[in-house]
Amino acid sequence: MCGFCAVFAGLPHWTDAASDAAQGVELDDRERRLARRHRVSLINVVVAHFGCTVEDWGGGEYIVRSQRGRSELVASLPQVWQVVENIAGRPVDPLLPGLLDALTAPPDA
């Protein structure tokens, strides 16, 4: 099912499906929230390079914020990247040399 259809069907995007596809096991609510929290923390490491932050909103959507105060509510992870690109005014490319350097630098550098 495409992401657009899932919005109307009320189903979560596959990135938020709350299961371990390799094991075929559904996560309970606590594990799902912890996994989502971890996912948001990883996302923030990347989007910080583009001047943005991401927050979980109610366990079902994300808030993308810019350093200048702009914010947008989005329903799924692919939309997070689209909004970050719009705010940054450039593509969010995971292979950007500056981004790779920032991600591999020691925390106190």
C-alpha atoms as a PDB file:
ATOM      1  CA  MET A   1       0.000   0.000   0.000  1.00  0.00           C
ATOM      2  CA  CYS A   2       1.338   3.450  -0.828  1.00  0.00           C
ATOM      3  CA  GLY A   3       1.850   6.088   1.867  1.00  0.00           C
ATOM      4  CA  PHE A   4      -0.978   8.230   0.501  1.00  0.00           C
ATOM      5  CA  CYS A   5      -3.475   5.368   0.724  1.00  0.00           C
ATOM      6  CA  ALA A   6      -2.284   4.505   4.223  1.00  0.00           C
ATOM      7  CA  VAL A   7      -3.189   8.014   5.398  1.00  0.00           C
ATOM      8  CA  PHE A   8      -6.802   7.458   4.374  1.00  0.00           C
ATOM      9  CA  ALA A   9      -6.859   3.909   5.695  1.00  0.00           C
ATOM     10  CA  GLY A  10      -5.487   5.065   9.046  1.00  0.00           C
ATOM     11  CA  LEU A  11      -2.630   2.592   8.906  1.00  0.00           C
ATOM     12  CA  PRO A  12       0.867   3.475  10.097  1.00  0.00           C
ATOM     13  CA  HIS A  13       3.633   3.958   7.541  1.00  0.00           C
ATOM     14  CA  TRP A  14       5.788   0.850   7.242  1.00  0.00           C
ATOM     15  CA  THR A  15       8.642   2.678   9.042  1.00  0.00           C
ATOM     16  CA  ASP A  16       6.358   2.938  12.092  1.00  0.00           C
ATOM     17  CA  ALA A  17       4.751  -0.490  11.800  1.00  0.00           C
ATOM     18  CA  ALA A  18       5.890  -1.426  15.332  1.00  0.00           C
ATOM     19  CA  SER A  19       7.151  -4.835  14.436  1.00  0.00           C
ATOM     20  CA  ASP A  20      10.417  -6.578  13.905  1.00  0.00           C
ATOM     21  CA  ALA A  21       9.943  -7.758  10.342  1.00  0.00           C
ATOM     22  CA  ALA A  22      12.902 -10.128  10.535  1.00  0.00           C
ATOM     23  CA  GLN A  23      11.439 -11.894  13.570  1.00  0.00           C
ATOM     24  CA  GLY A  24       7.747 -11.497  12.729  1.00  0.00           C
ATOM     25  CA  VAL A  25       7.073 -10.194  16.234  1.00  0.00           C
ATOM     26  CA  GLU A  26       4.841  -7.254  17.055  1.00  0.00           C
ATOM     27  CA  LEU A  27       6.170  -4.863  19.664  1.00  0.00           C
ATOM     28  CA  ASP A  28       4.065  -3.942  22.672  1.00  0.00           C
ATOM     29  CA  ASP A  29       3.182  -0.288  23.246  1.00  0.00           C
ATOM     30  CA  ARG A  30       6.166   0.413  25.496  1.00  0.00           C
ATOM     31  CA  GLU A  31       8.641  -1.172  23.070  1.00  0.00           C
ATOM     32  CA  ARG A  32       7.051   0.673  20.144  1.00  0.00           C
ATOM     33  CA  ARG A  33       7.414   4.023  21.950  1.00  0.00           C
ATOM     34  CA  LEU A  34      11.032   3.261  22.881  1.00  0.00           C
ATOM     35  CA  ALA A  35      11.852   2.265  19.302  1.00  0.00           C
ATOM     36  CA  ARG A  36      10.234   5.450  17.998  1.00  0.00           C
ATOM     37  CA  ARG A  37      12.103   7.552  20.565  1.00  0.00           C
ATOM     38  CA  HIS A  38      15.384   5.959  19.478  1.00  0.00           C
ATOM     39  CA  ARG A  39      14.499   6.556  15.815  1.00  0.00           C
ATOM     40  CA  VAL A  40      13.824  10.252  16.534  1.00  0.00           C
ATOM     41  CA  SER A  41      17.177  10.614  18.313  1.00  0.00           C
ATOM     42  CA  LEU A  42      18.973   9.116  15.292  1.00  0.00           C
ATOM     43  CA  ILE A  43      17.028  11.362  12.918  1.00  0.00           C
ATOM     44  CA  ASN A  44      18.030  14.416  14.952  1.00  0.00           C
ATOM     45  CA  VAL A  45      21.723  13.621  14.523  1.00  0.00           C
ATOM     46  CA  VAL A  46      21.250  13.842  10.741  1.00  0.00           C
ATOM     47  CA  VAL A  47      18.810  16.763  10.503  1.00  0.00           C
ATOM     48  CA  ALA A  48      20.921  18.926  12.835  1.00  0.00           C
ATOM     49  CA  HIS A  49      23.345  19.253   9.910  1.00  0.00           C
ATOM     50  CA  PHE A  50      20.513  20.961   8.015  1.00  0.00           C
ATOM     51  CA  GLY A  51      19.465  23.269  10.857  1.00  0.00           C
ATOM     52  CA  CYS A  52      16.412  21.288  11.970  1.00  0.00           C
ATOM     53  CA  THR A  53      15.124  19.189  14.834  1.00  0.00           C
ATOM     54  CA  VAL A  54      12.444  16.513  14.931  1.00  0.00           C
ATOM     55  CA  GLU A  55      10.107  15.662  17.810  1.00  0.00           C
ATOM     56  CA  ASP A  56       7.646  12.860  18.292  1.00  0.00           C
ATOM     57  CA  TRP A  57       4.085  14.140  18.545  1.00  0.00           C
ATOM     58  CA  GLY A  58       1.700  11.788  20.257  1.00  0.00           C
ATOM     59  CA  GLY A  59       3.410   8.648  19.009  1.00  0.00           C
ATOM     60  CA  GLY A  60       1.823   9.009  15.593  1.00  0.00           C
ATOM     61  CA  GLU A  61       3.283  12.060  13.893  1.00  0.00           C
ATOM     62  CA  TYR A  62       6.426  14.152  13.877  1.00  0.00           C
ATOM     63  CA  ILE A  63       7.077  17.861  14.321  1.00  0.00           C
ATOM     64  CA  VAL A  64       9.921  19.223  12.199  1.00  0.00           C
ATOM     65  CA  ARG A  65      11.333  22.529  13.478  1.00  0.00           C
ATOM     66  CA  SER A  66      13.850  24.908  11.988  1.00  0.00           C
ATOM     67  CA  GLN A  67      16.303  27.071  13.914  1.00  0.00           C
ATOM     68  CA  ARG A  68      14.271  30.107  12.850  1.00  0.00           C
ATOM     69  CA  GLY A  69      11.045  28.882  14.411  1.00  0.00           C
ATOM     70  CA  ARG A  70       9.292  27.340  11.424  1.00  0.00           C
ATOM     71  CA  SER A  71       7.537  24.093  12.270  1.00  0.00           C
ATOM     72  CA  GLU A  72       5.502  21.547  10.366  1.00  0.00           C
ATOM     73  CA  LEU A  73       3.554  18.523  11.502  1.00  0.00           C
ATOM     74  CA  VAL A  74       4.100  15.449   9.323  1.00  0.00           C
ATOM     75  CA  ALA A  75       2.614  11.976   9.416  1.00  0.00           C
ATOM     76  CA  SER A  76       5.544   9.770   8.411  1.00  0.00           C
ATOM     77  CA  LEU A  77       9.292   9.493   8.119  1.00  0.00           C
ATOM     78  CA  PRO A  78       9.459  10.159   4.341  1.00  0.00           C
ATOM     79  CA  GLN A  79       7.611  13.429   4.932  1.00  0.00           C
ATOM     80  CA  VAL A  80      10.209  14.393   7.569  1.00  0.00           C
ATOM     81  CA  TRP A  81      12.929  14.313   4.905  1.00  0.00           C
ATOM     82  CA  GLN A  82      10.789  16.300   2.450  1.00  0.00           C
ATOM     83  CA  VAL A  83      10.134  19.046   5.007  1.00  0.00           C
ATOM     84  CA  VAL A  84      13.805  19.191   6.035  1.00  0.00           C
ATOM     85  CA  GLU A  85      14.727  19.618   2.352  1.00  0.00           C
ATOM     86  CA  ASN A  86      12.181  22.431   2.006  1.00  0.00           C
ATOM     87  CA  ILE A  87      13.455  24.197   5.112  1.00  0.00           C
ATOM     88  CA  ALA A  88      17.141  23.746   4.229  1.00  0.00           C
ATOM     89  CA  GLY A  89      16.613  24.658   0.590  1.00  0.00           C
ATOM     90  CA  ARG A  90      18.797  21.774  -0.542  1.00  0.00           C
ATOM     91  CA  PRO A  91      18.551  18.017  -0.891  1.00  0.00           C
ATOM     92  CA  VAL A  92      19.093  15.887   2.198  1.00  0.00           C
ATOM     93  CA  ASP A  93      21.807  13.662   0.790  1.00  0.00           C
ATOM     94  CA  PRO A  94      23.145  11.065   3.227  1.00  0.00           C
ATOM     95  CA  LEU A  95      26.430  10.984   1.307  1.00  0.00           C
ATOM     96  CA  LEU A  96      27.274  14.695   1.647  1.00  0.00           C
ATOM     97  CA  PRO A  97      30.928  14.908   2.721  1.00  0.00           C
ATOM     98  CA  GLY A  98      30.163  17.512   5.425  1.00  0.00           C
ATOM     99  CA  LEU A  99      27.385  15.352   6.832  1.00  0.00           C
ATOM    100  CA  LEU A 100      29.510  12.215   6.826  1.00  0.00           C
ATOM    101  CA  ASP A 101      32.315  14.103   8.579  1.00  0.00           C
ATOM    102  CA  ALA A 102      29.896  15.390  11.221  1.00  0.00           C
ATOM    103  CA  LEU A 103      28.428  11.936  11.798  1.00  0.00           C
ATOM    104  CA  THR A 104      31.806  10.261  12.173  1.00  0.00           C
ATOM    105  CA  ALA A 105      33.472  13.007  14.276  1.00  0.00           C
ATOM    106  CA  PRO A 106      34.095  12.308  17.957  1.00  0.00           C
ATOM    107  CA  PRO A 107      31.339  13.815  20.163  1.00  0.00           C
ATOM    108  CA  ASP A 108      33.644  16.402  21.747  1.00  0.00           C
ATOM    109  CA  ALA A 109      35.160  17.610  18.440  1.00  0.00           C
END
